[in-house]
Amino acid sequence: MRSTARLLVALAIAGCAGQPQVGPRTKAAPRESARAAQRPPPGRSQDTRWAAAPDDCDLEAPALNDITPLRFESCGSAPFPCLRADADWAASSGWGFGGLLSSRESDDGEVELSFSRAIAPRVWESVVQRGDEVIFALRARVPESRCMIGGPHLSPEGAAVVVRRAAMMAEPWVFTGATPERVLASPRVLPFTVTSEDVATLGPSSVALHRSNGLVLRNLEDERWISHPLNRPVWAADGTLWAEGSRTHFGTLYQVDGAHAGALPPPPGGRLRLRLTAGGPFVAWIEATPTEDLARFEDRTLVVLRAGSSDEVRRIAIGPGTASPMVVGEHNTVLRLSDQELLVVDLESGRQSTLEAPTELAWAGGRSPIALAGGVLWARAAHAGRAANDGRALFRFELTP
């Protein structure tokens, strides 16, 4: 095992992933004032408009009591207690669960789940549910709302919602708060002047907005920002920001401290580090050997590191395959091996368990097909061979007794 000191020295002397861009203190982009003369979209009244939304975005904040929470039914107990919620509304709306799946354990120990669904044709709803209670809901109508909702993306620090104008997907607004309820009622509003994805990750004192080949890191207390050509930013339990290199730095991991991005020393034999994730006290990734097929790798190894330490908790061989989406929590790491198998690894014993896809369904792919927090695994399933972000069922597995 390498000592923490040796790792920090290596980080200090390692090369950076390109040059970051630093933004000066600039005034926030003014809101457009044309909203006053506009009528609300068909199907809703003026008093349901989300007050925090940009002036040119007709996003709805329906009464939470009017939102139907997910209802789960038992689906067995082997190898873990299982509950299932079906997208019954898909028969009329034409679509089920969307691509959003995020979870966190709140300060009082309850598990919160963030998901999206199509409640009617071209009407999308973003919901956060705590137990059987809906604590957050926003709706976007396509194209009447003129804007789209990304999130809420949950983290130990709270929640972040990205709002982008549908016409250009540029100049997004990020809304943050210590809880989903705070984002809905009185968010911190952070305008950006870049083109971005619809994902933002909230950290202790800043938020990372995801871009196609980079990230923009913005302070919460002022307007200073900095960009890095790095992907998949995650905050570890010790407050450090980690990210993956892109383009010529693909397969390299970095720790980001303001304007500096320090690369971890590479593994031997030309191996790559992929699928960075963080959760509970851990940071995890996959080490693998590339092949001629850019989508497949040999000798994949799951590596789990305790945040703030250089001691590897686990190195577990998982064989050849793709760069599997994965999540890590207090006691387990879960990987989507294929559309038919999820792999659950117990970090204490190393025991591996497989969750097979239900009959006529497949474990959905996409950006966030699984989520893990508080010992609870969430997994979205779609019709086999259909769109991965058209989920027809959502599964909850109790990994921790």
Protein backbone atom coordinates (compact mmCIF):
# COMPACT_ATOMS: atom_id res chain seq x y z
CA MET A 1 0.00 0.00 0.00
CA ARG A 2 1.23 3.48 -0.82
CA SER A 3 1.21 6.06 1.92
CA THR A 4 -0.96 9.15 1.76
CA ALA A 5 2.15 11.32 1.64
CA ARG A 6 3.53 9.54 -1.41
CA LEU A 7 0.19 9.93 -3.19
CA LEU A 8 0.06 13.66 -2.46
CA VAL A 9 3.61 14.15 -3.74
CA ALA A 10 2.71 12.28 -6.91
CA LEU A 11 -0.34 14.45 -7.38
CA ALA A 12 1.72 17.59 -7.00
CA ILE A 13 4.20 16.67 -9.70
CA ALA A 14 1.75 15.02 -12.13
CA GLY A 15 0.71 16.79 -15.30
CA CYS A 16 -2.59 18.59 -15.70
CA ALA A 17 -5.33 17.62 -18.17
CA GLY A 18 -4.92 20.64 -20.40
CA GLN A 19 -5.24 24.23 -19.32
CA PRO A 20 -8.24 25.29 -17.26
CA GLN A 21 -10.18 28.42 -18.14
CA VAL A 22 -10.73 30.87 -15.32
CA GLY A 23 -13.71 33.17 -15.31
CA PRO A 24 -13.64 36.64 -13.80
CA ARG A 25 -16.28 38.03 -11.55
CA THR A 26 -19.10 38.88 -13.93
CA LYS A 27 -22.61 40.09 -13.49
CA ALA A 28 -25.30 37.44 -13.72
CA ALA A 29 -27.17 37.41 -17.01
CA PRO A 30 -30.35 39.49 -16.62
CA ARG A 31 -33.67 37.72 -16.82
CA GLU A 32 -35.79 38.40 -19.87
CA SER A 33 -38.84 40.53 -19.16
CA ALA A 34 -41.17 39.31 -21.91
CA ARG A 35 -42.95 36.85 -19.60
CA ALA A 36 -45.44 39.45 -18.37
CA ALA A 37 -47.37 39.46 -21.63
CA GLN A 38 -47.30 35.70 -22.17
CA ARG A 39 -50.08 33.29 -21.39
CA PRO A 40 -49.44 30.05 -19.50
CA PRO A 41 -49.20 26.89 -21.62
CA PRO A 42 -52.44 24.96 -22.29
CA GLY A 43 -53.37 22.66 -19.42
CA ARG A 44 -52.27 24.74 -16.48
CA SER A 45 -53.09 27.96 -14.66
CA GLN A 46 -50.79 30.89 -13.96
CA ASP A 47 -50.56 30.10 -10.24
CA THR A 48 -48.74 26.78 -10.84
CA ARG A 49 -45.74 28.41 -12.52
CA TRP A 50 -42.45 27.78 -10.70
CA ALA A 51 -41.57 31.21 -9.37
CA ALA A 52 -37.81 30.58 -9.43
CA ALA A 53 -37.70 29.69 -13.14
CA PRO A 54 -36.09 32.03 -15.69
CA ASP A 55 -38.59 34.53 -17.08
CA ASP A 56 -38.77 32.81 -20.47
CA CYS A 57 -39.37 29.32 -19.01
CA ASP A 58 -42.92 28.20 -18.26
CA LEU A 59 -42.05 25.42 -15.81
CA GLU A 60 -44.74 24.17 -13.46
CA ALA A 61 -44.55 23.53 -9.73
CA PRO A 62 -47.75 21.56 -9.07
CA ALA A 63 -49.11 21.13 -5.56
CA LEU A 64 -47.25 18.21 -4.00
CA ASN A 65 -50.49 16.73 -2.68
CA ASP A 66 -51.61 16.34 -6.30
CA ILE A 67 -48.57 14.23 -7.27
CA THR A 68 -49.05 10.47 -7.23
CA PRO A 69 -46.10 8.80 -5.45
CA LEU A 70 -44.64 5.54 -6.69
CA ARG A 71 -46.33 2.50 -5.20
CA PHE A 72 -44.08 -0.50 -4.68
CA GLU A 73 -45.03 -4.16 -4.46
CA SER A 74 -42.93 -7.09 -3.26
CA CYS A 75 -40.93 -8.94 -5.91
CA GLY A 76 -39.20 -11.53 -3.72
CA SER A 77 -36.28 -11.69 -1.32
CA ALA A 78 -33.46 -13.56 -3.09
CA PRO A 79 -30.69 -12.60 -2.99
CA PHE A 80 -31.98 -9.29 -1.50
CA PRO A 81 -35.43 -8.07 -0.46
CA CYS A 82 -36.99 -6.55 -3.58
CA LEU A 83 -39.78 -4.06 -4.31
CA ARG A 84 -41.07 -3.09 -7.74
CA ALA A 85 -42.98 -0.07 -9.08
CA ASP A 86 -44.38 -0.28 -12.62
CA ALA A 87 -44.84 2.67 -14.99
CA ASP A 88 -48.61 2.16 -15.33
CA TRP A 89 -49.01 5.62 -16.88
CA ALA A 90 -46.93 4.59 -19.92
CA ALA A 91 -49.98 3.01 -21.58
CA SER A 92 -51.52 6.46 -22.03
CA SER A 93 -48.43 8.70 -22.16
CA GLY A 94 -46.38 6.48 -24.49
CA TRP A 95 -43.32 6.64 -22.23
CA GLY A 96 -42.38 5.46 -18.75
CA PHE A 97 -39.48 6.49 -16.53
CA GLY A 98 -36.92 8.83 -18.07
CA GLY A 99 -33.15 8.72 -17.78
CA LEU A 100 -32.92 10.44 -14.37
CA LEU A 101 -32.14 8.24 -11.37
CA SER A 102 -30.43 9.72 -8.32
CA SER A 103 -30.58 9.05 -4.58
CA ARG A 104 -29.12 10.19 -1.30
CA GLU A 105 -29.47 9.59 2.43
CA SER A 106 -30.84 12.71 4.12
CA ASP A 107 -29.48 14.15 7.36
CA ASP A 108 -32.15 12.28 9.34
CA GLY A 109 -31.23 8.94 7.74
CA GLU A 110 -34.11 8.65 5.26
CA VAL A 111 -33.44 7.62 1.65
CA GLU A 112 -34.56 10.08 -1.05
CA LEU A 113 -35.08 9.07 -4.68
CA SER A 114 -35.10 11.44 -7.68
CA PHE A 115 -36.65 10.22 -10.94
CA SER A 116 -38.40 11.50 -14.06
CA ARG A 117 -41.47 10.24 -15.88
CA ALA A 118 -43.77 11.12 -18.78
CA ILE A 119 -47.17 11.61 -17.14
CA ALA A 120 -48.85 12.52 -20.45
CA PRO A 121 -47.69 12.78 -24.05
CA ARG A 122 -44.84 15.33 -24.11
CA VAL A 123 -45.35 16.26 -20.45
CA TRP A 124 -42.34 15.42 -18.25
CA GLU A 125 -42.36 15.38 -14.48
CA SER A 126 -39.28 15.42 -12.22
CA VAL A 127 -40.01 14.05 -8.74
CA VAL A 128 -38.19 13.45 -5.47
CA GLN A 129 -39.82 10.93 -3.17
CA ARG A 130 -38.88 10.27 0.47
CA GLY A 131 -40.52 7.05 1.58
CA ASP A 132 -44.12 7.36 0.36
CA GLU A 133 -44.05 11.17 0.45
CA VAL A 134 -43.42 13.40 -2.58
CA ILE A 135 -41.20 16.31 -1.48
CA PHE A 136 -40.34 17.85 -4.87
CA ALA A 137 -42.06 18.07 -8.26
CA LEU A 138 -41.56 20.14 -11.42
CA ARG A 139 -43.16 19.72 -14.84
CA ALA A 140 -42.13 20.69 -18.35
CA ARG A 141 -44.45 20.61 -21.36
CA VAL A 142 -42.81 20.14 -24.76
CA PRO A 143 -42.61 22.56 -26.52
CA GLU A 144 -44.84 24.99 -24.58
CA SER A 145 -42.54 25.34 -21.57
CA ARG A 146 -39.65 26.35 -23.87
CA CYS A 147 -37.20 24.92 -21.31
CA MET A 148 -36.16 21.47 -20.09
CA ILE A 149 -35.39 20.23 -16.58
CA GLY A 150 -32.30 18.23 -15.62
CA GLY A 151 -32.50 16.74 -12.13
CA PRO A 152 -32.79 17.05 -9.26
CA HIS A 153 -29.34 15.51 -8.96
CA LEU A 154 -28.92 14.49 -5.33
CA SER A 155 -25.73 14.43 -3.25
CA PRO A 156 -24.85 14.49 0.46
CA GLU A 157 -24.65 18.28 0.16
CA GLY A 158 -28.21 18.64 -1.15
CA ALA A 159 -29.68 18.88 -4.64
CA ALA A 160 -29.03 20.62 -7.96
CA VAL A 161 -31.43 21.24 -10.86
CA VAL A 162 -30.31 22.34 -14.34
CA VAL A 163 -32.72 24.33 -16.52
CA ARG A 164 -31.82 24.74 -20.20
CA ARG A 165 -33.64 26.60 -22.92
CA ALA A 166 -34.83 24.01 -25.42
CA ALA A 167 -34.12 26.22 -28.44
CA MET A 168 -30.35 26.36 -27.94
CA MET A 169 -29.38 24.27 -24.89
CA ALA A 170 -27.10 27.14 -23.91
CA GLU A 171 -26.88 29.58 -21.01
CA PRO A 172 -28.24 27.10 -18.45
CA TRP A 173 -29.36 28.00 -14.97
CA VAL A 174 -28.42 25.83 -12.00
CA PHE A 175 -30.64 25.86 -8.91
CA THR A 176 -29.17 24.45 -5.70
CA GLY A 177 -30.23 23.90 -2.11
CA ALA A 178 -29.38 21.90 1.00
CA THR A 179 -32.55 19.82 0.45
CA PRO A 180 -34.86 19.16 -2.51
CA GLU A 181 -37.53 21.19 -0.70
CA ARG A 182 -35.17 24.16 -0.50
CA VAL A 183 -34.48 23.98 -4.25
CA LEU A 184 -38.21 24.09 -4.91
CA ALA A 185 -39.08 26.90 -2.50
CA SER A 186 -36.04 29.19 -2.26
CA PRO A 187 -33.08 27.99 -4.34
CA ARG A 188 -29.69 29.54 -4.86
CA VAL A 189 -29.75 30.58 -8.54
CA LEU A 190 -26.55 30.30 -10.59
CA PRO A 191 -26.68 31.40 -14.26
CA PHE A 192 -24.03 30.08 -16.67
CA THR A 193 -22.96 31.37 -20.08
CA VAL A 194 -21.90 28.06 -21.67
CA THR A 195 -23.47 25.15 -23.51
CA SER A 196 -23.82 22.20 -21.15
CA GLU A 197 -25.41 18.87 -20.42
CA ASP A 198 -28.38 18.68 -18.05
CA VAL A 199 -26.34 17.43 -15.08
CA ALA A 200 -24.76 19.34 -12.19
CA THR A 201 -23.05 17.89 -9.11
CA LEU A 202 -23.30 19.85 -5.87
CA GLY A 203 -20.26 19.93 -3.58
CA PRO A 204 -19.49 21.55 -0.21
CA SER A 205 -18.85 25.07 -1.56
CA SER A 206 -19.24 24.86 -5.35
CA VAL A 207 -21.18 23.13 -8.09
CA ALA A 208 -19.76 21.29 -11.12
CA LEU A 209 -21.75 21.68 -14.32
CA HIS A 210 -21.17 18.80 -16.75
CA ARG A 211 -20.26 19.50 -20.38
CA SER A 212 -19.66 17.13 -23.31
CA ASN A 213 -15.88 17.19 -22.80
CA GLY A 214 -15.33 19.10 -19.62
CA LEU A 215 -16.81 20.69 -16.54
CA VAL A 216 -17.40 24.18 -15.22
CA LEU A 217 -16.78 24.63 -11.51
CA ARG A 218 -18.55 27.60 -9.95
CA ASN A 219 -18.43 28.89 -6.38
CA LEU A 220 -21.72 29.04 -4.52
CA GLU A 221 -20.99 32.26 -2.66
CA ASP A 222 -19.79 34.42 -5.57
CA GLU A 223 -19.58 34.47 -9.35
CA ARG A 224 -16.09 33.04 -9.82
CA TRP A 225 -15.84 30.02 -12.07
CA ILE A 226 -13.23 27.81 -13.71
CA SER A 227 -13.46 25.16 -16.44
CA HIS A 228 -11.48 21.94 -16.81
CA PRO A 229 -11.37 19.47 -19.73
CA LEU A 230 -12.42 16.68 -17.37
CA ASN A 231 -15.46 14.37 -17.17
CA ARG A 232 -17.57 12.61 -14.52
CA PRO A 233 -16.84 14.98 -11.60
CA VAL A 234 -17.62 13.49 -8.18
CA TRP A 235 -17.10 14.78 -4.67
CA ALA A 236 -15.59 12.34 -2.20
CA ALA A 237 -16.57 12.15 1.45
CA ASP A 238 -13.50 14.21 2.46
CA GLY A 239 -14.65 17.12 0.25
CA THR A 240 -12.15 16.54 -2.57
CA LEU A 241 -13.26 16.74 -6.20
CA TRP A 242 -12.31 13.88 -8.52
CA ALA A 243 -12.79 13.63 -12.30
CA GLU A 244 -11.82 11.59 -15.36
CA GLY A 245 -9.56 12.83 -18.13
CA SER A 246 -10.96 13.24 -21.63
CA ARG A 247 -9.64 12.91 -25.19
CA THR A 248 -5.87 12.31 -25.03
CA HIS A 249 -6.12 11.97 -21.23
CA PHE A 250 -8.88 9.35 -21.39
CA GLY A 251 -8.34 6.68 -18.75
CA THR A 252 -6.57 8.99 -16.30
CA LEU A 253 -8.02 10.13 -12.97
CA TYR A 254 -7.51 13.59 -11.49
CA GLN A 255 -8.00 15.39 -8.22
CA VAL A 256 -9.12 18.98 -8.74
CA ASP A 257 -8.15 21.81 -6.42
CA GLY A 258 -9.34 25.10 -7.87
CA ALA A 259 -7.32 25.82 -11.02
CA HIS A 260 -5.06 22.80 -10.54
CA ALA A 261 -5.92 19.28 -11.69
CA GLY A 262 -3.37 16.72 -10.49
CA ALA A 263 -3.24 13.33 -12.21
CA LEU A 264 -2.95 10.12 -10.23
CA PRO A 265 0.11 8.09 -11.23
CA PRO A 266 -1.00 5.70 -13.99
CA PRO A 267 -1.35 1.96 -13.34
CA PRO A 268 1.28 -0.29 -14.96
CA GLY A 269 0.97 -2.03 -18.30
CA GLY A 270 -0.94 0.69 -20.16
CA ARG A 271 -4.10 0.03 -18.18
CA LEU A 272 -6.84 2.66 -17.95
CA ARG A 273 -8.96 3.95 -15.08
CA LEU A 274 -12.66 4.24 -15.98
CA ARG A 275 -16.16 4.82 -14.58
CA LEU A 276 -15.20 6.96 -11.62
CA THR A 277 -17.82 7.11 -8.86
CA ALA A 278 -18.05 8.08 -5.19
CA GLY A 279 -20.45 7.25 -2.37
CA GLY A 280 -20.37 6.69 1.36
CA PRO A 281 -16.73 6.91 2.51
CA PHE A 282 -15.36 5.53 -0.77
CA VAL A 283 -14.14 6.45 -4.24
CA ALA A 284 -14.24 3.65 -6.84
CA TRP A 285 -13.32 2.99 -10.46
CA ILE A 286 -12.52 0.22 -12.92
CA GLU A 287 -8.97 -0.53 -14.07
CA ALA A 288 -8.83 -2.31 -17.41
CA THR A 289 -6.65 -3.09 -20.42
CA PRO A 290 -7.89 -1.57 -23.71
CA THR A 291 -8.51 -3.69 -26.81
CA GLU A 292 -8.93 -2.93 -30.51
CA ASP A 293 -12.66 -2.72 -29.85
CA LEU A 294 -12.96 0.69 -28.15
CA ALA A 295 -16.05 -0.44 -26.26
CA ARG A 296 -14.51 -3.55 -24.65
CA PHE A 297 -11.70 -4.08 -22.16
CA GLU A 298 -9.69 -7.00 -20.85
CA ASP A 299 -8.81 -7.87 -17.27
CA ARG A 300 -11.22 -5.44 -15.62
CA THR A 301 -10.56 -4.86 -11.93
CA LEU A 302 -12.84 -3.03 -9.52
CA VAL A 303 -10.79 -0.71 -7.29
CA VAL A 304 -12.29 0.84 -4.15
CA LEU A 305 -10.37 3.51 -2.23
CA ARG A 306 -11.28 5.10 1.09
CA ALA A 307 -11.54 8.87 0.61
CA GLY A 308 -8.63 10.74 2.18
CA SER A 309 -6.45 7.62 2.21
CA SER A 310 -4.24 5.81 -0.28
CA ASP A 311 -5.20 2.40 1.11
CA GLU A 312 -7.19 0.33 -1.35
CA VAL A 313 -10.13 -1.32 0.38
CA ARG A 314 -10.74 -3.82 -2.39
CA ARG A 315 -9.33 -4.96 -5.74
CA ILE A 316 -11.76 -7.40 -7.31
CA ALA A 317 -11.32 -9.00 -10.74
CA ILE A 318 -14.51 -8.87 -12.83
CA GLY A 319 -13.20 -10.26 -16.15
CA PRO A 320 -13.47 -8.80 -19.67
CA GLY A 321 -16.33 -6.58 -20.79
CA THR A 322 -17.43 -2.99 -21.24
CA ALA A 323 -16.83 0.03 -19.01
CA SER A 324 -19.78 -0.90 -16.82
CA PRO A 325 -21.80 1.84 -15.11
CA MET A 326 -21.42 1.47 -11.37
CA VAL A 327 -22.21 3.01 -7.99
CA VAL A 328 -20.61 2.66 -4.56
CA GLY A 329 -22.05 3.05 -1.06
CA GLU A 330 -21.28 2.38 2.58
CA HIS A 331 -21.06 -1.40 2.22
CA ASN A 332 -21.44 -2.32 -1.45
CA THR A 333 -20.43 -1.59 -4.99
CA VAL A 334 -22.90 -2.36 -7.78
CA LEU A 335 -22.04 -2.70 -11.48
CA ARG A 336 -24.32 -3.07 -14.51
CA LEU A 337 -22.49 -5.92 -16.24
CA SER A 338 -25.04 -6.15 -19.06
CA ASP A 339 -28.71 -5.60 -19.79
CA GLN A 340 -29.33 -8.94 -18.06
CA GLU A 341 -27.05 -8.78 -14.99
CA LEU A 342 -26.22 -6.45 -12.13
CA LEU A 343 -23.25 -7.40 -9.94
CA VAL A 344 -23.39 -6.58 -6.22
CA VAL A 345 -20.06 -6.71 -4.35
CA ASP A 346 -19.93 -6.71 -0.54
CA LEU A 347 -16.95 -4.51 0.34
CA GLU A 348 -16.28 -6.19 3.68
CA SER A 349 -16.39 -9.85 2.66
CA GLY A 350 -15.81 -9.54 -1.09
CA ARG A 351 -18.89 -11.70 -1.69
CA GLN A 352 -20.44 -11.23 -5.14
CA SER A 353 -24.13 -11.58 -5.92
CA THR A 354 -25.94 -11.31 -9.26
CA LEU A 355 -29.30 -9.68 -9.90
CA GLU A 356 -30.87 -10.99 -13.11
CA ALA A 357 -33.22 -8.86 -15.18
CA PRO A 358 -36.92 -9.72 -14.80
CA THR A 359 -38.72 -11.63 -17.53
CA GLU A 360 -39.29 -9.57 -20.71
CA LEU A 361 -37.31 -6.67 -19.24
CA ALA A 362 -33.68 -5.57 -19.39
CA TRP A 363 -31.61 -3.52 -16.98
CA ALA A 364 -31.66 -0.10 -18.60
CA GLY A 365 -28.48 1.57 -19.79
CA GLY A 366 -27.79 5.26 -20.23
CA ARG A 367 -26.11 7.74 -17.94
CA SER A 368 -27.69 6.82 -14.60
CA PRO A 369 -29.38 3.39 -14.79
CA ILE A 370 -28.69 2.59 -11.12
CA ALA A 371 -28.42 4.56 -7.87
CA LEU A 372 -27.30 3.62 -4.36
CA ALA A 373 -27.68 5.36 -0.99
CA GLY A 374 -28.42 4.30 2.57
CA GLY A 375 -27.99 0.63 1.71
CA VAL A 376 -30.78 0.83 -0.90
CA LEU A 377 -30.12 0.05 -4.58
CA TRP A 378 -32.43 1.46 -7.26
CA ALA A 379 -32.39 -0.03 -10.76
CA ARG A 380 -34.42 0.98 -13.80
CA ALA A 381 -35.63 -1.68 -16.23
CA ALA A 382 -36.84 -1.18 -19.82
CA HIS A 383 -38.43 -3.43 -22.42
CA ALA A 384 -35.70 -5.60 -23.93
CA GLY A 385 -34.53 -4.11 -27.21
CA ARG A 386 -36.33 -0.79 -26.64
CA ALA A 387 -35.02 2.66 -25.71
CA ALA A 388 -32.87 2.54 -22.56
CA ASN A 389 -34.38 5.76 -21.19
CA ASP A 390 -37.95 4.46 -21.53
CA GLY A 391 -38.09 2.65 -18.20
CA ARG A 392 -41.13 0.47 -17.59
CA ALA A 393 -40.33 -0.59 -14.01
CA LEU A 394 -38.22 0.64 -11.12
CA PHE A 395 -36.74 -1.83 -8.62
CA ARG A 396 -35.65 -1.26 -5.04
CA PHE A 397 -33.26 -3.73 -3.37
CA GLU A 398 -32.42 -3.63 0.34
CA LEU A 399 -28.71 -4.45 0.34
CA THR A 400 -28.20 -3.72 4.03
CA PRO A 401 -30.41 -5.66 6.48
